[in-house]
Amino acid sequence: MRVSQRRTTKFVQTLSDNFLLSVSMGHFGKAQSPQSQAELVKAMQDVGIVSCQKVADTLTSIDRKLFVPLDMKEKAYSQGPVRIGACEGEVMTAPDMHASALEVLRILPGDACLDVGCGTGYLIACMAHLSGRTGVAVGMDRSAELIGFAEGEAMKAVQKALGGALLSPIRFLCHQMESDSEIRDLYLLLEQQPEQPSAFKTFQKIHCGFSFPQVPQGLVNLLEARSRSEEARLVVPVGVPGSEQDLVVVRKDSNNNTVMEAQRRVTFSDGVFGDSPPPPRKEPGGLGRTQKELEETEQRKDELEREVRSVWKEVKEKMPSGATLEEM
């Protein structure tokens, strides 16, 4: 079978990272979906989402199924977010996003780690596994229900599954954080922790599980490199809520020099909840998307959908009778 190479190449170049990752992992059919944590990690390794063996080992050791409610366990290995709370937006991030975050953060033994919007605690457990017993880990979420599940049922199940494997001490905090002032409140809250107070003042690795309209300076201020040879890192989605955002990586060296880099396009829940007003739109020239860019994105999506239908129709017309895609 032969489909126009030029047309196919042009078409593939327009696809978003999320779409390509989903296609690569073969999640269009239920029969192809991973049925275990090991299969899920292997699928992500096969398509290049996971390349670091330490990250692969951690993801394999800590099962996503332990961190989802009983009625959602059958979806624990699906490619996409999984509902974990009663409120809208309370979801466990898709597995490829968790894996990508761990790859980019480059967590080292002894690192102090913070997960903002930790939900039921899956990613902070992975971060604690990578930083080991010489590190510290803090999971923060606005939902008392999710924090209760994380530090209770989820952590007990993980400790039992790991059989005493090395994990950083994990502290869970219930705290809402929608602005830099509330990030400063978090800083004060961390200082008041009775155990290892000095270890909670700054962090080497921070992950944020919901989006901000711009890079939150308060989280950047919490970053501190341990030595000249290491960098502190923050991973945070930045952009307009309800649309694709930039997954931004902030790197800070021991001299407090910072570099910000947009890694890929993602879609996360926003950090504003309830009746709070929407965040201001990002002005042109910065990270995030303007309203005009959003409209252009929607137009490109419509064009892409038409192209998908057209290419798929061409493929089916030229497919020999009785043949399957695997045989092509």
C-alpha atoms as a PDB file:
ATOM      1  CA  MET A   1       0.000   0.000   0.000  1.00  0.00           C
ATOM      2  CA  ARG A   2       1.258   3.445  -0.844  1.00  0.00           C
ATOM      3  CA  VAL A   3      -0.062   6.744   0.480  1.00  0.00           C
ATOM      4  CA  SER A   4       1.393  10.091  -0.639  1.00  0.00           C
ATOM      5  CA  GLN A   5       4.646  10.442   1.350  1.00  0.00           C
ATOM      6  CA  ARG A   6       4.732  14.231   1.070  1.00  0.00           C
ATOM      7  CA  ARG A   7       1.165  14.558   2.274  1.00  0.00           C
ATOM      8  CA  THR A   8       1.682  12.108   5.152  1.00  0.00           C
ATOM      9  CA  THR A   9       4.891  13.847   6.282  1.00  0.00           C
ATOM     10  CA  LYS A  10       3.207  17.258   6.269  1.00  0.00           C
ATOM     11  CA  PHE A  11       0.272  15.801   8.179  1.00  0.00           C
ATOM     12  CA  VAL A  12       2.422  14.154  10.875  1.00  0.00           C
ATOM     13  CA  GLN A  13       4.401  17.357  11.435  1.00  0.00           C
ATOM     14  CA  THR A  14       1.176  19.151  12.458  1.00  0.00           C
ATOM     15  CA  LEU A  15       0.234  16.675  15.157  1.00  0.00           C
ATOM     16  CA  SER A  16       0.518  17.669  18.807  1.00  0.00           C
ATOM     17  CA  ASP A  17       2.861  15.843  21.180  1.00  0.00           C
ATOM     18  CA  ASN A  18      -0.096  14.506  23.162  1.00  0.00           C
ATOM     19  CA  PHE A  19      -1.748  13.057  20.060  1.00  0.00           C
ATOM     20  CA  LEU A  20       1.461  11.426  18.848  1.00  0.00           C
ATOM     21  CA  LEU A  21       2.154   9.933  22.287  1.00  0.00           C
ATOM     22  CA  SER A  22      -1.333   8.470  22.431  1.00  0.00           C
ATOM     23  CA  VAL A  23      -0.999   6.965  18.960  1.00  0.00           C
ATOM     24  CA  SER A  24       2.465   5.609  19.709  1.00  0.00           C
ATOM     25  CA  MET A  25       1.313   3.883  22.888  1.00  0.00           C
ATOM     26  CA  GLY A  26      -1.480   2.174  20.988  1.00  0.00           C
ATOM     27  CA  HIS A  27      -4.385   3.292  23.158  1.00  0.00           C
ATOM     28  CA  PHE A  28      -7.011   3.422  20.411  1.00  0.00           C
ATOM     29  CA  GLY A  29      -8.105  -0.119  21.199  1.00  0.00           C
ATOM     30  CA  LYS A  30      -8.879  -1.557  24.618  1.00  0.00           C
ATOM     31  CA  ALA A  31      -7.173  -4.809  23.681  1.00  0.00           C
ATOM     32  CA  GLN A  32      -3.916  -2.930  23.188  1.00  0.00           C
ATOM     33  CA  SER A  33      -4.054  -1.044  26.495  1.00  0.00           C
ATOM     34  CA  PRO A  34      -1.552  -2.033  29.195  1.00  0.00           C
ATOM     35  CA  GLN A  35      -3.027  -4.378  31.758  1.00  0.00           C
ATOM     36  CA  SER A  36      -0.364  -3.875  34.436  1.00  0.00           C
ATOM     37  CA  GLN A  37       2.085  -1.250  35.680  1.00  0.00           C
ATOM     38  CA  ALA A  38       4.975  -3.143  34.082  1.00  0.00           C
ATOM     39  CA  GLU A  39       3.222  -3.186  30.690  1.00  0.00           C
ATOM     40  CA  LEU A  40       2.461   0.531  30.995  1.00  0.00           C
ATOM     41  CA  VAL A  41       6.101   1.411  31.709  1.00  0.00           C
ATOM     42  CA  LYS A  42       7.301  -0.875  28.897  1.00  0.00           C
ATOM     43  CA  ALA A  43       4.946   0.893  26.464  1.00  0.00           C
ATOM     44  CA  MET A  44       6.340   4.275  27.485  1.00  0.00           C
ATOM     45  CA  GLN A  45       9.901   3.003  27.093  1.00  0.00           C
ATOM     46  CA  ASP A  46       9.143   1.628  23.644  1.00  0.00           C
ATOM     47  CA  VAL A  47       8.071   5.043  22.336  1.00  0.00           C
ATOM     48  CA  GLY A  48      10.803   7.024  24.094  1.00  0.00           C
ATOM     49  CA  ILE A  49       8.754   8.704  26.820  1.00  0.00           C
ATOM     50  CA  VAL A  50      10.890   6.952  29.434  1.00  0.00           C
ATOM     51  CA  SER A  51      14.626   6.695  28.721  1.00  0.00           C
ATOM     52  CA  CYS A  52      16.198   6.853  32.207  1.00  0.00           C
ATOM     53  CA  GLN A  53      16.421   3.380  33.736  1.00  0.00           C
ATOM     54  CA  LYS A  54      16.103   4.719  37.298  1.00  0.00           C
ATOM     55  CA  VAL A  55      12.843   6.426  36.327  1.00  0.00           C
ATOM     56  CA  ALA A  56      11.635   3.213  34.678  1.00  0.00           C
ATOM     57  CA  ASP A  57      12.488   1.202  37.794  1.00  0.00           C
ATOM     58  CA  THR A  58      10.645   3.677  40.026  1.00  0.00           C
ATOM     59  CA  LEU A  59       7.554   3.762  37.815  1.00  0.00           C
ATOM     60  CA  THR A  60       7.515  -0.044  37.693  1.00  0.00           C
ATOM     61  CA  SER A  61       7.871  -0.329  41.473  1.00  0.00           C
ATOM     62  CA  ILE A  62       5.064   2.106  42.330  1.00  0.00           C
ATOM     63  CA  ASP A  63       1.721   0.961  40.915  1.00  0.00           C
ATOM     64  CA  ARG A  64      -0.773   3.634  39.805  1.00  0.00           C
ATOM     65  CA  LYS A  65      -3.634   1.303  40.766  1.00  0.00           C
ATOM     66  CA  LEU A  66      -2.824   1.863  44.457  1.00  0.00           C
ATOM     67  CA  PHE A  67      -3.607   5.582  44.116  1.00  0.00           C
ATOM     68  CA  VAL A  68      -7.051   5.539  42.485  1.00  0.00           C
ATOM     69  CA  PRO A  69     -10.487   4.924  44.040  1.00  0.00           C
ATOM     70  CA  LEU A  70     -11.874   1.401  43.909  1.00  0.00           C
ATOM     71  CA  ASP A  71     -14.397   2.249  41.183  1.00  0.00           C
ATOM     72  CA  MET A  72     -11.646   3.659  38.922  1.00  0.00           C
ATOM     73  CA  LYS A  73      -8.981   0.970  39.294  1.00  0.00           C
ATOM     74  CA  GLU A  74      -9.771  -0.559  35.898  1.00  0.00           C
ATOM     75  CA  LYS A  75      -8.699   2.745  34.315  1.00  0.00           C
ATOM     76  CA  ALA A  76      -5.457   3.088  36.276  1.00  0.00           C
ATOM     77  CA  TYR A  77      -3.272   2.164  33.273  1.00  0.00           C
ATOM     78  CA  SER A  78      -5.199   4.070  30.606  1.00  0.00           C
ATOM     79  CA  GLN A  79      -3.558   6.841  28.613  1.00  0.00           C
ATOM     80  CA  GLY A  80      -5.202   9.906  30.062  1.00  0.00           C
ATOM     81  CA  PRO A  81      -6.181  11.447  33.396  1.00  0.00           C
ATOM     82  CA  VAL A  82      -8.224   9.371  35.862  1.00  0.00           C
ATOM     83  CA  ARG A  83     -10.834  10.831  38.205  1.00  0.00           C
ATOM     84  CA  ILE A  84      -9.758  10.566  41.842  1.00  0.00           C
ATOM     85  CA  GLY A  85     -12.014  13.094  43.608  1.00  0.00           C
ATOM     86  CA  ALA A  86     -15.621  14.226  43.749  1.00  0.00           C
ATOM     87  CA  CYS A  87     -14.906  17.747  42.478  1.00  0.00           C
ATOM     88  CA  GLU A  88     -14.333  18.708  38.866  1.00  0.00           C
ATOM     89  CA  GLY A  89     -10.632  18.800  38.041  1.00  0.00           C
ATOM     90  CA  GLU A  90      -9.627  16.325  40.747  1.00  0.00           C
ATOM     91  CA  VAL A  91      -7.862  13.817  38.529  1.00  0.00           C
ATOM     92  CA  MET A  92      -4.668  11.786  38.486  1.00  0.00           C
ATOM     93  CA  THR A  93      -2.427  13.112  35.722  1.00  0.00           C
ATOM     94  CA  ALA A  94      -1.920  10.904  32.650  1.00  0.00           C
ATOM     95  CA  PRO A  95       0.947   8.379  32.998  1.00  0.00           C
ATOM     96  CA  ASP A  96       3.021   9.877  30.184  1.00  0.00           C
ATOM     97  CA  MET A  97       2.918  13.280  31.899  1.00  0.00           C
ATOM     98  CA  HIS A  98       4.083  11.815  35.209  1.00  0.00           C
ATOM     99  CA  ALA A  99       6.865   9.984  33.395  1.00  0.00           C
ATOM    100  CA  SER A 100       7.912  13.082  31.445  1.00  0.00           C
ATOM    101  CA  ALA A 101       8.032  15.135  34.652  1.00  0.00           C
ATOM    102  CA  LEU A 102      10.294  12.598  36.376  1.00  0.00           C
ATOM    103  CA  GLU A 103      12.579  12.475  33.331  1.00  0.00           C
ATOM    104  CA  VAL A 104      12.927  16.266  33.223  1.00  0.00           C
ATOM    105  CA  LEU A 105      13.298  16.784  36.994  1.00  0.00           C
ATOM    106  CA  ARG A 106      16.365  14.497  37.196  1.00  0.00           C
ATOM    107  CA  ILE A 107      15.861  13.740  40.880  1.00  0.00           C
ATOM    108  CA  LEU A 108      19.039  12.780  42.745  1.00  0.00           C
ATOM    109  CA  PRO A 109      19.509  10.909  46.038  1.00  0.00           C
ATOM    110  CA  GLY A 110      19.128  13.360  48.914  1.00  0.00           C
ATOM    111  CA  ASP A 111      16.980  15.871  47.000  1.00  0.00           C
ATOM    112  CA  ALA A 112      14.164  17.688  48.782  1.00  0.00           C
ATOM    113  CA  CYS A 113      11.057  17.280  46.612  1.00  0.00           C
ATOM    114  CA  LEU A 114       7.708  19.079  46.516  1.00  0.00           C
ATOM    115  CA  ASP A 115       4.598  18.129  44.531  1.00  0.00           C
ATOM    116  CA  VAL A 116       2.036  20.934  44.386  1.00  0.00           C
ATOM    117  CA  GLY A 117      -1.408  19.513  43.683  1.00  0.00           C
ATOM    118  CA  CYS A 118      -0.300  16.012  44.647  1.00  0.00           C
ATOM    119  CA  GLY A 119      -3.787  14.489  44.633  1.00  0.00           C
ATOM    120  CA  THR A 120      -3.632  10.978  46.080  1.00  0.00           C
ATOM    121  CA  GLY A 121       0.167  11.066  46.133  1.00  0.00           C
ATOM    122  CA  TYR A 122       1.353   8.994  43.176  1.00  0.00           C
ATOM    123  CA  LEU A 123       4.011  11.341  41.832  1.00  0.00           C
ATOM    124  CA  ILE A 124       5.370  12.404  45.229  1.00  0.00           C
ATOM    125  CA  ALA A 125       5.767   8.698  46.069  1.00  0.00           C
ATOM    126  CA  CYS A 126       7.818   8.313  42.869  1.00  0.00           C
ATOM    127  CA  MET A 127       9.846  11.406  43.742  1.00  0.00           C
ATOM    128  CA  ALA A 128      10.474  10.029  47.239  1.00  0.00           C
ATOM    129  CA  HIS A 129      11.578   6.719  45.743  1.00  0.00           C
ATOM    130  CA  LEU A 130      14.138   8.495  43.532  1.00  0.00           C
ATOM    131  CA  SER A 131      15.479  10.765  46.293  1.00  0.00           C
ATOM    132  CA  GLY A 132      15.792   7.877  48.782  1.00  0.00           C
ATOM    133  CA  ARG A 133      15.943   7.966  52.561  1.00  0.00           C
ATOM    134  CA  THR A 134      18.479  10.802  52.587  1.00  0.00           C
ATOM    135  CA  GLY A 135      15.974  13.099  50.889  1.00  0.00           C
ATOM    136  CA  VAL A 136      12.670  14.600  51.985  1.00  0.00           C
ATOM    137  CA  ALA A 137       9.341  14.836  50.171  1.00  0.00           C
ATOM    138  CA  VAL A 138       6.269  17.027  50.611  1.00  0.00           C
ATOM    139  CA  GLY A 139       2.936  16.511  48.887  1.00  0.00           C
ATOM    140  CA  MET A 140       0.491  19.432  48.960  1.00  0.00           C
ATOM    141  CA  ASP A 141      -3.129  19.551  47.795  1.00  0.00           C
ATOM    142  CA  ARG A 142      -6.169  21.714  48.483  1.00  0.00           C
ATOM    143  CA  SER A 143      -8.415  18.666  49.008  1.00  0.00           C
ATOM    144  CA  ALA A 144      -8.448  17.263  52.540  1.00  0.00           C
ATOM    145  CA  GLU A 145     -10.168  14.142  51.165  1.00  0.00           C
ATOM    146  CA  LEU A 146      -7.348  13.422  48.711  1.00  0.00           C
ATOM    147  CA  ILE A 147      -4.647  14.170  51.295  1.00  0.00           C
ATOM    148  CA  GLY A 148      -6.365  11.781  53.691  1.00  0.00           C
ATOM    149  CA  PHE A 149      -6.378   9.032  51.067  1.00  0.00           C
ATOM    150  CA  ALA A 150      -2.740   9.729  50.177  1.00  0.00           C
ATOM    151  CA  GLU A 151      -1.261   9.579  53.654  1.00  0.00           C
ATOM    152  CA  GLY A 152      -3.515   6.739  54.725  1.00  0.00           C
ATOM    153  CA  GLU A 153      -4.622   4.015  52.321  1.00  0.00           C
ATOM    154  CA  ALA A 154      -2.233   4.839  49.451  1.00  0.00           C
ATOM    155  CA  MET A 155       0.969   5.095  51.511  1.00  0.00           C
ATOM    156  CA  LYS A 156       0.192   1.941  53.490  1.00  0.00           C
ATOM    157  CA  ALA A 157      -0.361   0.040  50.246  1.00  0.00           C
ATOM    158  CA  VAL A 158       2.871   1.382  48.733  1.00  0.00           C
ATOM    159  CA  GLN A 159       4.982   0.526  51.766  1.00  0.00           C
ATOM    160  CA  LYS A 160       3.524  -2.987  51.774  1.00  0.00           C
ATOM    161  CA  ALA A 161       4.136  -3.405  48.023  1.00  0.00           C
ATOM    162  CA  LEU A 162       7.713  -2.133  48.221  1.00  0.00           C
ATOM    163  CA  GLY A 163       8.554  -4.375  51.149  1.00  0.00           C
ATOM    164  CA  GLY A 164      10.698  -1.817  52.958  1.00  0.00           C
ATOM    165  CA  ALA A 165      12.376  -0.313  49.890  1.00  0.00           C
ATOM    166  CA  LEU A 166      14.089   3.034  50.410  1.00  0.00           C
ATOM    167  CA  LEU A 167      11.727   6.031  50.348  1.00  0.00           C
ATOM    168  CA  SER A 168      12.191   9.616  51.479  1.00  0.00           C
ATOM    169  CA  PRO A 169      10.057  10.583  54.476  1.00  0.00           C
ATOM    170  CA  ILE A 170       6.851  12.021  52.977  1.00  0.00           C
ATOM    171  CA  ARG A 171       4.849  14.803  54.621  1.00  0.00           C
ATOM    172  CA  PHE A 172       1.384  15.642  53.253  1.00  0.00           C
ATOM    173  CA  LEU A 173      -0.142  19.090  53.708  1.00  0.00           C
ATOM    174  CA  CYS A 174      -3.611  20.412  52.916  1.00  0.00           C
ATOM    175  CA  HIS A 175      -3.195  23.922  51.537  1.00  0.00           C
ATOM    176  CA  GLN A 176      -4.858  25.878  48.733  1.00  0.00           C
ATOM    177  CA  MET A 177      -2.451  27.785  46.533  1.00  0.00           C
ATOM    178  CA  GLU A 178      -3.809  29.973  43.760  1.00  0.00           C
ATOM    179  CA  SER A 179      -1.490  32.969  44.053  1.00  0.00           C
ATOM    180  CA  ASP A 180       2.011  33.990  45.072  1.00  0.00           C
ATOM    181  CA  SER A 181       0.661  35.206  48.423  1.00  0.00           C
ATOM    182  CA  GLU A 182      -0.651  31.703  49.143  1.00  0.00           C
ATOM    183  CA  ILE A 183       2.705  30.280  48.029  1.00  0.00           C
ATOM    184  CA  ARG A 184       4.319  32.514  50.654  1.00  0.00           C
ATOM    185  CA  ASP A 185       1.809  31.121  53.157  1.00  0.00           C
ATOM    186  CA  LEU A 186       2.998  27.652  52.151  1.00  0.00           C
ATOM    187  CA  TYR A 187       6.575  28.724  52.868  1.00  0.00           C
ATOM    188  CA  LEU A 188       5.579  29.766  56.392  1.00  0.00           C
ATOM    189  CA  LEU A 189       3.624  26.546  56.831  1.00  0.00           C
ATOM    190  CA  LEU A 190       6.661  24.499  55.829  1.00  0.00           C
ATOM    191  CA  GLU A 191       8.870  26.376  58.290  1.00  0.00           C
ATOM    192  CA  GLN A 192       6.522  25.365  61.102  1.00  0.00           C
ATOM    193  CA  GLN A 193       6.840  21.623  60.443  1.00  0.00           C
ATOM    194  CA  PRO A 194       8.095  19.898  63.594  1.00  0.00           C
ATOM    195  CA  GLU A 195      10.215  17.301  61.794  1.00  0.00           C
ATOM    196  CA  GLN A 196      13.422  18.440  60.078  1.00  0.00           C
ATOM    197  CA  PRO A 197      12.296  22.086  59.822  1.00  0.00           C
ATOM    198  CA  SER A 198      15.384  23.213  57.917  1.00  0.00           C
ATOM    199  CA  ALA A 199      14.799  20.589  55.225  1.00  0.00           C
ATOM    200  CA  PHE A 200      11.408  22.059  54.321  1.00  0.00           C
ATOM    201  CA  LYS A 201      12.500  25.641  53.662  1.00  0.00           C
ATOM    202  CA  THR A 202      13.674  25.095  50.094  1.00  0.00           C
ATOM    203  CA  PHE A 203      13.530  22.318  47.524  1.00  0.00           C
ATOM    204  CA  GLN A 204      15.719  20.944  44.777  1.00  0.00           C
ATOM    205  CA  LYS A 205      12.870  19.500  42.715  1.00  0.00           C
ATOM    206  CA  ILE A 206       9.309  20.859  42.457  1.00  0.00           C
ATOM    207  CA  HIS A 207       6.419  19.592  40.331  1.00  0.00           C
ATOM    208  CA  CYS A 208       3.120  21.412  39.897  1.00  0.00           C
ATOM    209  CA  GLY A 209       0.089  19.321  38.941  1.00  0.00           C
ATOM    210  CA  PHE A 210      -2.111  22.194  37.740  1.00  0.00           C
ATOM    211  CA  SER A 211      -1.586  25.162  35.458  1.00  0.00           C
ATOM    212  CA  PHE A 212      -0.812  28.803  36.203  1.00  0.00           C
ATOM    213  CA  PRO A 213      -1.353  31.729  33.809  1.00  0.00           C
ATOM    214  CA  GLN A 214       2.349  32.492  34.216  1.00  0.00           C
ATOM    215  CA  VAL A 215       5.333  30.943  35.949  1.00  0.00           C
ATOM    216  CA  PRO A 216       4.622  31.325  39.723  1.00  0.00           C
ATOM    217  CA  GLN A 217       7.544  33.283  41.138  1.00  0.00           C
ATOM    218  CA  GLY A 218       6.739  32.013  44.608  1.00  0.00           C
ATOM    219  CA  LEU A 219       7.602  28.458  43.550  1.00  0.00           C
ATOM    220  CA  VAL A 220      10.748  29.653  41.794  1.00  0.00           C
ATOM    221  CA  ASN A 221      11.781  31.282  45.090  1.00  0.00           C
ATOM    222  CA  LEU A 222      11.442  27.907  46.832  1.00  0.00           C
ATOM    223  CA  LEU A 223      14.085  26.399  44.518  1.00  0.00           C
ATOM    224  CA  GLU A 224      17.645  26.075  45.821  1.00  0.00           C
ATOM    225  CA  ALA A 225      20.503  24.100  44.267  1.00  0.00           C
ATOM    226  CA  ARG A 226      22.549  22.031  46.719  1.00  0.00           C
ATOM    227  CA  SER A 227      25.894  22.572  44.997  1.00  0.00           C
ATOM    228  CA  ARG A 228      27.588  24.234  42.039  1.00  0.00           C
ATOM    229  CA  SER A 229      27.425  21.021  40.050  1.00  0.00           C
ATOM    230  CA  GLU A 230      23.662  20.587  40.457  1.00  0.00           C
ATOM    231  CA  GLU A 231      20.542  22.472  39.407  1.00  0.00           C
ATOM    232  CA  ALA A 232      17.248  22.910  41.197  1.00  0.00           C
ATOM    233  CA  ARG A 233      14.284  22.353  38.875  1.00  0.00           C
ATOM    234  CA  LEU A 234      10.596  23.256  38.697  1.00  0.00           C
ATOM    235  CA  VAL A 235       8.136  21.700  36.235  1.00  0.00           C
ATOM    236  CA  VAL A 236       4.873  23.642  35.831  1.00  0.00           C
ATOM    237  CA  PRO A 237       2.159  23.933  33.128  1.00  0.00           C
ATOM    238  CA  VAL A 238       1.760  27.560  32.030  1.00  0.00           C
ATOM    239  CA  GLY A 239      -1.023  29.009  29.909  1.00  0.00           C
ATOM    240  CA  VAL A 240      -4.695  29.870  29.570  1.00  0.00           C
ATOM    241  CA  PRO A 241      -7.044  27.437  31.392  1.00  0.00           C
ATOM    242  CA  GLY A 242      -9.226  25.237  29.224  1.00  0.00           C
ATOM    243  CA  SER A 243      -6.716  24.991  26.401  1.00  0.00           C
ATOM    244  CA  GLU A 244      -3.296  23.549  25.701  1.00  0.00           C
ATOM    245  CA  GLN A 245      -0.491  25.019  27.790  1.00  0.00           C
ATOM    246  CA  ASP A 246       3.300  24.986  27.770  1.00  0.00           C
ATOM    247  CA  LEU A 247       4.992  22.529  30.115  1.00  0.00           C
ATOM    248  CA  VAL A 248       7.699  24.850  31.426  1.00  0.00           C
ATOM    249  CA  VAL A 249      10.920  23.742  33.093  1.00  0.00           C
ATOM    250  CA  VAL A 250      12.644  26.302  35.342  1.00  0.00           C
ATOM    251  CA  ARG A 251      16.285  25.578  36.162  1.00  0.00           C
ATOM    252  CA  LYS A 252      18.118  27.448  38.935  1.00  0.00           C
ATOM    253  CA  ASP A 253      21.835  27.136  39.700  1.00  0.00           C
ATOM    254  CA  SER A 254      23.699  27.743  42.967  1.00  0.00           C
ATOM    255  CA  ASN A 255      24.069  31.444  42.095  1.00  0.00           C
ATOM    256  CA  ASN A 256      20.277  31.771  41.741  1.00  0.00           C
ATOM    257  CA  ASN A 257      20.503  32.238  37.973  1.00  0.00           C
ATOM    258  CA  THR A 258      17.308  30.914  36.372  1.00  0.00           C
ATOM    259  CA  VAL A 259      16.527  29.604  32.906  1.00  0.00           C
ATOM    260  CA  MET A 260      12.976  28.893  31.722  1.00  0.00           C
ATOM    261  CA  GLU A 261      12.234  26.583  28.814  1.00  0.00           C
ATOM    262  CA  ALA A 262       8.951  25.356  27.332  1.00  0.00           C
ATOM    263  CA  GLN A 263       9.265  21.588  26.795  1.00  0.00           C
ATOM    264  CA  ARG A 264       6.007  20.543  25.103  1.00  0.00           C
ATOM    265  CA  ARG A 265       2.295  21.314  24.791  1.00  0.00           C
ATOM    266  CA  VAL A 266       0.039  19.839  27.481  1.00  0.00           C
ATOM    267  CA  THR A 267      -3.453  20.211  28.963  1.00  0.00           C
ATOM    268  CA  PHE A 268      -3.840  20.537  32.740  1.00  0.00           C
ATOM    269  CA  SER A 269      -6.543  21.757  35.090  1.00  0.00           C
ATOM    270  CA  ASP A 270      -6.015  25.341  36.200  1.00  0.00           C
ATOM    271  CA  GLY A 271      -5.038  26.453  39.684  1.00  0.00           C
ATOM    272  CA  VAL A 272      -8.183  28.563  40.174  1.00  0.00           C
ATOM    273  CA  PHE A 273     -11.184  26.853  41.736  1.00  0.00           C
ATOM    274  CA  GLY A 274     -14.757  27.560  42.834  1.00  0.00           C
ATOM    275  CA  ASP A 275     -16.047  31.061  42.164  1.00  0.00           C
ATOM    276  CA  SER A 276     -12.615  32.624  41.686  1.00  0.00           C
ATOM    277  CA  PRO A 277     -12.338  34.852  38.602  1.00  0.00           C
ATOM    278  CA  PRO A 278     -10.384  33.547  35.610  1.00  0.00           C
ATOM    279  CA  PRO A 279      -6.697  34.507  35.491  1.00  0.00           C
ATOM    280  CA  PRO A 280      -5.678  37.412  33.240  1.00  0.00           C
ATOM    281  CA  ARG A 281      -4.851  36.508  29.677  1.00  0.00           C
ATOM    282  CA  LYS A 282      -1.186  36.288  28.887  1.00  0.00           C
ATOM    283  CA  GLU A 283       0.189  39.217  26.922  1.00  0.00           C
ATOM    284  CA  PRO A 284       2.019  38.527  23.651  1.00  0.00           C
ATOM    285  CA  GLY A 285       5.710  37.769  23.950  1.00  0.00           C
ATOM    286  CA  GLY A 286       5.623  35.617  27.095  1.00  0.00           C
ATOM    287  CA  LEU A 287       5.053  31.989  27.968  1.00  0.00           C
ATOM    288  CA  GLY A 288       1.438  30.893  27.539  1.00  0.00           C
ATOM    289  CA  ARG A 289      -1.049  31.764  24.793  1.00  0.00           C
ATOM    290  CA  THR A 290      -2.967  34.907  23.842  1.00  0.00           C
ATOM    291  CA  GLN A 291      -6.627  34.821  22.810  1.00  0.00           C
ATOM    292  CA  LYS A 292      -5.615  35.198  19.161  1.00  0.00           C
ATOM    293  CA  GLU A 293      -3.234  32.258  19.476  1.00  0.00           C
ATOM    294  CA  LEU A 294      -6.008  30.195  21.065  1.00  0.00           C
ATOM    295  CA  GLU A 295      -8.312  30.934  18.133  1.00  0.00           C
ATOM    296  CA  GLU A 296      -5.556  29.985  15.700  1.00  0.00           C
ATOM    297  CA  THR A 297      -5.010  26.759  17.658  1.00  0.00           C
ATOM    298  CA  GLU A 298      -8.685  25.865  17.410  1.00  0.00           C
ATOM    299  CA  GLN A 299      -8.583  26.529  13.673  1.00  0.00           C
ATOM    300  CA  ARG A 300      -5.553  24.256  13.299  1.00  0.00           C
ATOM    301  CA  LYS A 301      -7.361  21.553  15.286  1.00  0.00           C
ATOM    302  CA  ASP A 302     -10.322  21.713  12.881  1.00  0.00           C
ATOM    303  CA  GLU A 303      -7.980  21.472   9.920  1.00  0.00           C
ATOM    304  CA  LEU A 304      -6.169  18.556  11.559  1.00  0.00           C
ATOM    305  CA  GLU A 305      -9.422  16.657  12.136  1.00  0.00           C
ATOM    306  CA  ARG A 306     -10.321  17.041   8.472  1.00  0.00           C
ATOM    307  CA  GLU A 307      -6.855  15.849   7.479  1.00  0.00           C
ATOM    308  CA  VAL A 308      -7.108  12.833   9.802  1.00  0.00           C
ATOM    309  CA  ARG A 309     -10.390  11.775   8.224  1.00  0.00           C
ATOM    310  CA  SER A 310      -9.009  12.274   4.727  1.00  0.00           C
ATOM    311  CA  VAL A 311      -5.781  10.324   5.333  1.00  0.00           C
ATOM    312  CA  TRP A 312      -7.601   7.534   7.133  1.00  0.00           C
ATOM    313  CA  LYS A 313     -10.078   7.232   4.249  1.00  0.00           C
ATOM    314  CA  GLU A 314      -7.174   7.018   1.795  1.00  0.00           C
ATOM    315  CA  VAL A 315      -5.496   4.324   3.906  1.00  0.00           C
ATOM    316  CA  LYS A 316      -8.658   2.208   4.088  1.00  0.00           C
ATOM    317  CA  GLU A 317      -9.314   2.517   0.350  1.00  0.00           C
ATOM    318  CA  LYS A 318      -5.821   1.217  -0.467  1.00  0.00           C
ATOM    319  CA  MET A 319      -5.813  -1.500   2.204  1.00  0.00           C
ATOM    320  CA  PRO A 320      -6.072  -5.032   0.715  1.00  0.00           C
ATOM    321  CA  SER A 321      -9.279  -6.831   1.557  1.00  0.00           C
ATOM    322  CA  GLY A 322      -9.083  -8.571   4.930  1.00  0.00           C
ATOM    323  CA  ALA A 323      -5.762  -6.931   5.877  1.00  0.00           C
ATOM    324  CA  THR A 324      -5.106  -5.308   9.265  1.00  0.00           C
ATOM    325  CA  LEU A 325      -2.923  -2.309  10.141  1.00  0.00           C
ATOM    326  CA  GLU A 326      -0.408  -4.612  11.854  1.00  0.00           C
ATOM    327  CA  GLU A 327       0.077  -6.458   8.531  1.00  0.00           C
ATOM    328  CA  MET A 328       0.641  -3.314   6.468  1.00  0.00           C
END
